[in-house]
């Protein structure tokens, strides 16, 4: 029988990591009290420490500030792709117009 993979919200991860960072729980105590695997909690703690230090994570962000940064970076990437497409289309249309005018 396959075991279902549990998923957790960024808010839950942030609160769990906060138990260790802000409230003085050990990784083991916090993981046991929340029914988590210690390695997952350690990952979240490390990620929260990095985010608080200003590092934008590669995975889904835990802090609201880093979540906003990730949203804005995704939007910038999308707009840059659209701009590139428009540049190529404009160049193609200009080339066709130049050929017609000859």
N, C-alpha and C. Protein backbone atom coordinates (compact mmCIF):
# COMPACT_ATOMS: atom_id res chain seq x y z
N UNK A 1 0.85 -1.17 0.00
CA UNK A 1 0.00 0.00 0.00
C UNK A 1 0.90 1.24 0.00
N UNK A 2 0.57 2.21 -0.87
CA UNK A 2 1.39 3.41 -0.96
C UNK A 2 0.99 4.41 0.12
N UNK A 3 2.00 5.08 0.61
CA UNK A 3 1.77 6.06 1.67
C UNK A 3 1.54 7.43 1.03
N UNK A 4 0.49 8.13 1.46
CA UNK A 4 0.21 9.46 0.94
C UNK A 4 1.26 10.45 1.43
N UNK A 5 1.74 11.26 0.54
CA UNK A 5 2.70 12.30 0.91
C UNK A 5 1.93 13.48 1.49
N UNK A 6 2.34 13.90 2.66
CA UNK A 6 1.68 15.03 3.31
C UNK A 6 2.21 16.34 2.74
N UNK A 7 1.32 17.30 2.62
CA UNK A 7 1.74 18.62 2.18
C UNK A 7 1.41 19.62 3.28
N UNK A 8 2.23 20.66 3.38
CA UNK A 8 2.07 21.65 4.42
C UNK A 8 2.08 23.04 3.80
N UNK A 9 1.31 23.93 4.36
CA UNK A 9 1.27 25.30 3.86
C UNK A 9 2.53 26.03 4.29
N UNK A 10 2.88 27.09 3.56
CA UNK A 10 4.03 27.89 3.99
C UNK A 10 3.85 28.45 5.40
N UNK A 11 2.62 28.77 5.77
CA UNK A 11 2.34 29.30 7.11
C UNK A 11 2.65 28.26 8.18
N UNK A 12 2.26 27.01 7.92
CA UNK A 12 2.53 25.94 8.89
C UNK A 12 4.04 25.74 9.02
N UNK A 13 4.74 25.71 7.89
CA UNK A 13 6.18 25.52 7.92
C UNK A 13 6.86 26.65 8.69
N UNK A 14 6.40 27.88 8.44
CA UNK A 14 6.99 29.03 9.13
C UNK A 14 6.75 28.94 10.63
N UNK A 15 5.55 28.57 11.04
CA UNK A 15 5.23 28.44 12.47
C UNK A 15 6.03 27.30 13.11
N UNK A 16 6.17 26.19 12.40
CA UNK A 16 6.94 25.07 12.92
C UNK A 16 8.40 25.46 13.11
N UNK A 17 8.97 26.13 12.12
CA UNK A 17 10.36 26.56 12.22
C UNK A 17 10.52 27.61 13.32
N UNK A 18 9.50 28.41 13.51
CA UNK A 18 9.53 29.44 14.54
C UNK A 18 9.61 28.83 15.94
N UNK A 19 9.04 27.65 16.12
CA UNK A 19 9.15 26.97 17.42
C UNK A 19 10.61 26.77 17.80
N UNK A 20 11.41 26.41 16.81
CA UNK A 20 12.83 26.16 17.07
C UNK A 20 13.60 27.47 17.18
N UNK A 21 13.38 28.37 16.22
CA UNK A 21 14.17 29.60 16.17
C UNK A 21 13.79 30.62 17.23
N UNK A 22 12.50 30.76 17.50
CA UNK A 22 12.04 31.84 18.37
C UNK A 22 11.62 31.39 19.77
N UNK A 23 11.20 30.13 19.89
CA UNK A 23 10.66 29.70 21.17
C UNK A 23 11.55 28.70 21.90
N UNK A 24 12.69 28.39 21.33
CA UNK A 24 13.67 27.58 22.04
C UNK A 24 13.44 26.09 22.06
N UNK A 25 12.53 25.58 21.27
CA UNK A 25 12.34 24.13 21.21
C UNK A 25 13.51 23.52 20.46
N UNK A 26 13.83 22.28 20.79
CA UNK A 26 14.83 21.57 20.00
C UNK A 26 14.15 21.04 18.74
N UNK A 27 14.95 20.69 17.76
CA UNK A 27 14.38 20.14 16.52
C UNK A 27 13.56 18.88 16.83
N UNK A 28 14.11 18.04 17.69
CA UNK A 28 13.44 16.78 18.03
C UNK A 28 12.11 17.03 18.73
N UNK A 29 12.11 17.92 19.74
CA UNK A 29 10.88 18.21 20.48
C UNK A 29 9.80 18.77 19.55
N UNK A 30 10.17 19.73 18.74
CA UNK A 30 9.18 20.36 17.85
C UNK A 30 8.66 19.35 16.82
N UNK A 31 9.55 18.56 16.26
CA UNK A 31 9.13 17.57 15.26
C UNK A 31 8.18 16.55 15.86
N UNK A 32 8.49 16.07 17.04
CA UNK A 32 7.63 15.08 17.69
C UNK A 32 6.27 15.68 18.04
N UNK A 33 6.27 16.89 18.58
CA UNK A 33 4.99 17.50 18.98
C UNK A 33 4.09 17.80 17.79
N UNK A 34 4.69 18.03 16.62
CA UNK A 34 3.90 18.32 15.43
C UNK A 34 3.68 17.10 14.54
N UNK A 35 4.29 15.98 14.92
CA UNK A 35 4.15 14.76 14.12
C UNK A 35 4.89 14.84 12.79
N UNK A 36 6.06 15.45 12.83
CA UNK A 36 6.85 15.63 11.61
C UNK A 36 8.11 14.79 11.65
N UNK A 37 8.69 14.62 10.49
CA UNK A 37 10.01 14.02 10.38
C UNK A 37 11.01 15.13 10.70
N UNK A 38 11.99 14.82 11.52
CA UNK A 38 12.95 15.84 11.96
C UNK A 38 13.69 16.48 10.79
N UNK A 39 14.00 15.70 9.77
CA UNK A 39 14.75 16.26 8.63
C UNK A 39 13.94 17.35 7.91
N UNK A 40 12.64 17.17 7.81
CA UNK A 40 11.80 18.20 7.18
C UNK A 40 11.82 19.48 8.00
N UNK A 41 11.69 19.33 9.31
CA UNK A 41 11.71 20.50 10.17
C UNK A 41 13.06 21.21 10.09
N UNK A 42 14.14 20.47 10.03
CA UNK A 42 15.48 21.08 9.91
C UNK A 42 15.59 21.88 8.61
N UNK A 43 15.04 21.34 7.52
CA UNK A 43 15.04 22.05 6.24
C UNK A 43 14.27 23.37 6.36
N UNK A 44 13.10 23.32 7.00
CA UNK A 44 12.28 24.52 7.16
C UNK A 44 12.98 25.57 8.03
N UNK A 45 13.63 25.10 9.08
CA UNK A 45 14.36 26.01 9.97
C UNK A 45 15.49 26.70 9.20
N UNK A 46 16.25 25.91 8.45
CA UNK A 46 17.34 26.48 7.65
C UNK A 46 16.81 27.47 6.63
N UNK A 47 15.71 27.11 5.98
CA UNK A 47 15.12 28.00 4.98
C UNK A 47 14.63 29.30 5.63
N UNK A 48 13.98 29.20 6.78
CA UNK A 48 13.48 30.40 7.45
C UNK A 48 14.64 31.30 7.89
N UNK A 49 15.72 30.70 8.37
CA UNK A 49 16.89 31.47 8.75
C UNK A 49 17.45 32.23 7.53
N UNK A 50 17.53 31.55 6.42
CA UNK A 50 18.05 32.18 5.20
C UNK A 50 17.13 33.30 4.73
N UNK A 51 15.82 33.04 4.76
CA UNK A 51 14.87 34.06 4.32
C UNK A 51 14.93 35.29 5.22
N UNK A 52 15.07 35.06 6.51
CA UNK A 52 15.18 36.20 7.42
C UNK A 52 16.46 36.97 7.17
N UNK A 53 17.45 36.30 6.62
CA UNK A 53 18.72 36.95 6.26
C UNK A 53 18.68 37.62 4.89
N UNK A 54 17.55 37.53 4.23
CA UNK A 54 17.39 38.20 2.94
C UNK A 54 17.64 37.35 1.73
N UNK A 55 17.87 36.06 1.90
CA UNK A 55 18.12 35.17 0.78
C UNK A 55 16.79 34.66 0.22
N UNK A 56 16.58 34.86 -1.08
CA UNK A 56 15.37 34.36 -1.71
C UNK A 56 15.55 32.87 -1.99
N UNK A 57 14.65 32.02 -1.47
CA UNK A 57 14.82 30.57 -1.64
C UNK A 57 14.47 30.10 -3.04
N UNK A 58 15.00 28.94 -3.40
CA UNK A 58 14.66 28.35 -4.69
C UNK A 58 13.32 27.62 -4.61
N UNK A 59 12.99 27.13 -3.42
CA UNK A 59 11.69 26.48 -3.24
C UNK A 59 10.66 27.52 -2.81
N UNK A 60 9.46 27.08 -2.53
CA UNK A 60 8.39 28.00 -2.14
C UNK A 60 8.77 28.73 -0.86
N UNK A 61 8.66 30.04 -0.87
CA UNK A 61 9.07 30.87 0.26
C UNK A 61 8.14 30.68 1.46
N UNK A 62 8.70 30.89 2.65
CA UNK A 62 7.94 30.78 3.89
C UNK A 62 7.46 32.13 4.39
N UNK A 63 8.29 33.15 4.28
CA UNK A 63 7.90 34.46 4.80
C UNK A 63 7.11 35.24 3.75
N UNK A 64 6.17 36.06 4.19
CA UNK A 64 5.37 36.84 3.24
C UNK A 64 6.23 37.73 2.34
N UNK A 65 7.30 38.27 2.89
CA UNK A 65 8.16 39.14 2.10
C UNK A 65 8.82 38.36 0.97
N UNK A 66 9.35 37.18 1.29
CA UNK A 66 10.00 36.38 0.27
C UNK A 66 8.98 35.83 -0.74
N UNK A 67 7.74 35.56 -0.28
CA UNK A 67 6.70 35.12 -1.20
C UNK A 67 6.42 36.22 -2.22
N UNK A 68 6.35 37.46 -1.76
CA UNK A 68 6.10 38.60 -2.65
C UNK A 68 7.26 38.76 -3.63
N UNK A 69 8.49 38.60 -3.15
CA UNK A 69 9.66 38.70 -4.02
C UNK A 69 9.58 37.64 -5.11
N UNK A 70 9.22 36.40 -4.73
CA UNK A 70 9.11 35.34 -5.73
C UNK A 70 8.02 35.65 -6.76
N UNK A 71 6.88 36.18 -6.30
CA UNK A 71 5.81 36.55 -7.23
C UNK A 71 6.28 37.62 -8.21
N UNK A 72 6.98 38.63 -7.68
CA UNK A 72 7.45 39.71 -8.53
C UNK A 72 8.53 39.23 -9.51
N UNK A 73 9.40 38.34 -9.06
CA UNK A 73 10.43 37.79 -9.96
C UNK A 73 9.79 36.98 -11.07
N UNK A 74 8.75 36.21 -10.74
CA UNK A 74 8.04 35.44 -11.77
C UNK A 74 7.37 36.38 -12.77
N UNK A 75 6.79 37.45 -12.27
CA UNK A 75 6.14 38.42 -13.16
C UNK A 75 7.17 39.08 -14.08
N UNK A 76 8.32 39.45 -13.53
CA UNK A 76 9.39 40.06 -14.33
C UNK A 76 9.83 39.09 -15.43
N UNK A 77 10.01 37.82 -15.07
CA UNK A 77 10.43 36.81 -16.07
C UNK A 77 9.41 36.69 -17.19
N UNK A 78 8.12 36.67 -16.81
CA UNK A 78 7.06 36.56 -17.82
C UNK A 78 7.07 37.78 -18.73
N UNK A 79 7.19 38.97 -18.16
CA UNK A 79 7.20 40.19 -18.96
C UNK A 79 8.42 40.26 -19.88
N UNK A 80 9.56 39.78 -19.40
CA UNK A 80 10.76 39.76 -20.25
C UNK A 80 10.60 38.81 -21.42
N UNK A 81 9.95 37.66 -21.17
CA UNK A 81 9.68 36.72 -22.27
C UNK A 81 8.74 37.35 -23.29
N UNK A 82 7.68 38.02 -22.80
CA UNK A 82 6.74 38.67 -23.70
C UNK A 82 7.43 39.77 -24.51
N UNK A 83 8.29 40.53 -23.86
CA UNK A 83 9.03 41.60 -24.54
C UNK A 83 9.91 41.03 -25.64
N UNK A 84 10.57 39.91 -25.36
CA UNK A 84 11.42 39.26 -26.34
C UNK A 84 10.61 38.80 -27.55
N UNK A 85 9.43 38.24 -27.28
CA UNK A 85 8.56 37.79 -28.37
C UNK A 85 8.14 38.98 -29.22
N UNK A 86 7.78 40.08 -28.57
CA UNK A 86 7.36 41.27 -29.31
C UNK A 86 8.50 41.85 -30.14
N UNK A 87 9.71 41.84 -29.61
CA UNK A 87 10.87 42.32 -30.37
C UNK A 87 11.08 41.49 -31.63
N UNK A 88 10.98 40.16 -31.47
CA UNK A 88 11.18 39.28 -32.61
C UNK A 88 10.08 39.48 -33.65
N UNK A 89 8.84 39.65 -33.17
CA UNK A 89 7.72 39.86 -34.09
C UNK A 89 7.88 41.18 -34.83
N UNK A 90 8.30 42.22 -34.11
CA UNK A 90 8.51 43.52 -34.74
C UNK A 90 9.62 43.44 -35.79
N UNK A 91 10.70 42.78 -35.48
CA UNK A 91 11.80 42.63 -36.43
C UNK A 91 11.33 41.88 -37.67
N UNK A 92 10.53 40.84 -37.48
CA UNK A 92 10.02 40.06 -38.60
C UNK A 92 9.11 40.91 -39.47
N UNK A 93 8.22 41.67 -38.86
CA UNK A 93 7.31 42.53 -39.62
C UNK A 93 8.07 43.63 -40.35
N UNK A 94 9.08 44.18 -39.71
CA UNK A 94 9.88 45.23 -40.35
C UNK A 94 10.64 44.66 -41.55
N UNK A 95 11.14 43.44 -41.42
CA UNK A 95 11.87 42.80 -42.52
C UNK A 95 10.92 42.55 -43.69
N UNK A 96 9.70 42.09 -43.39
CA UNK A 96 8.72 41.86 -44.45
C UNK A 96 8.35 43.17 -45.13
N UNK A 97 8.18 44.21 -44.35
CA UNK A 97 7.83 45.53 -44.92
C UNK A 97 8.96 46.05 -45.80
N UNK A 98 10.18 45.84 -45.34
CA UNK A 98 11.34 46.27 -46.12
C UNK A 98 11.41 45.51 -47.45
N UNK A 99 11.11 44.23 -47.44
CA UNK A 99 11.11 43.42 -48.67
C UNK A 99 10.03 43.89 -49.62
N UNK A 100 8.85 44.25 -49.11
CA UNK A 100 7.75 44.71 -49.96
C UNK A 100 8.06 46.04 -50.61
N UNK A 101 8.79 46.88 -49.92
CA UNK A 101 9.05 48.23 -50.43
C UNK A 101 10.17 48.24 -51.48
N UNK A 102 10.82 47.16 -51.73
CA UNK A 102 11.90 47.10 -52.72
C UNK A 102 11.38 47.04 -54.09
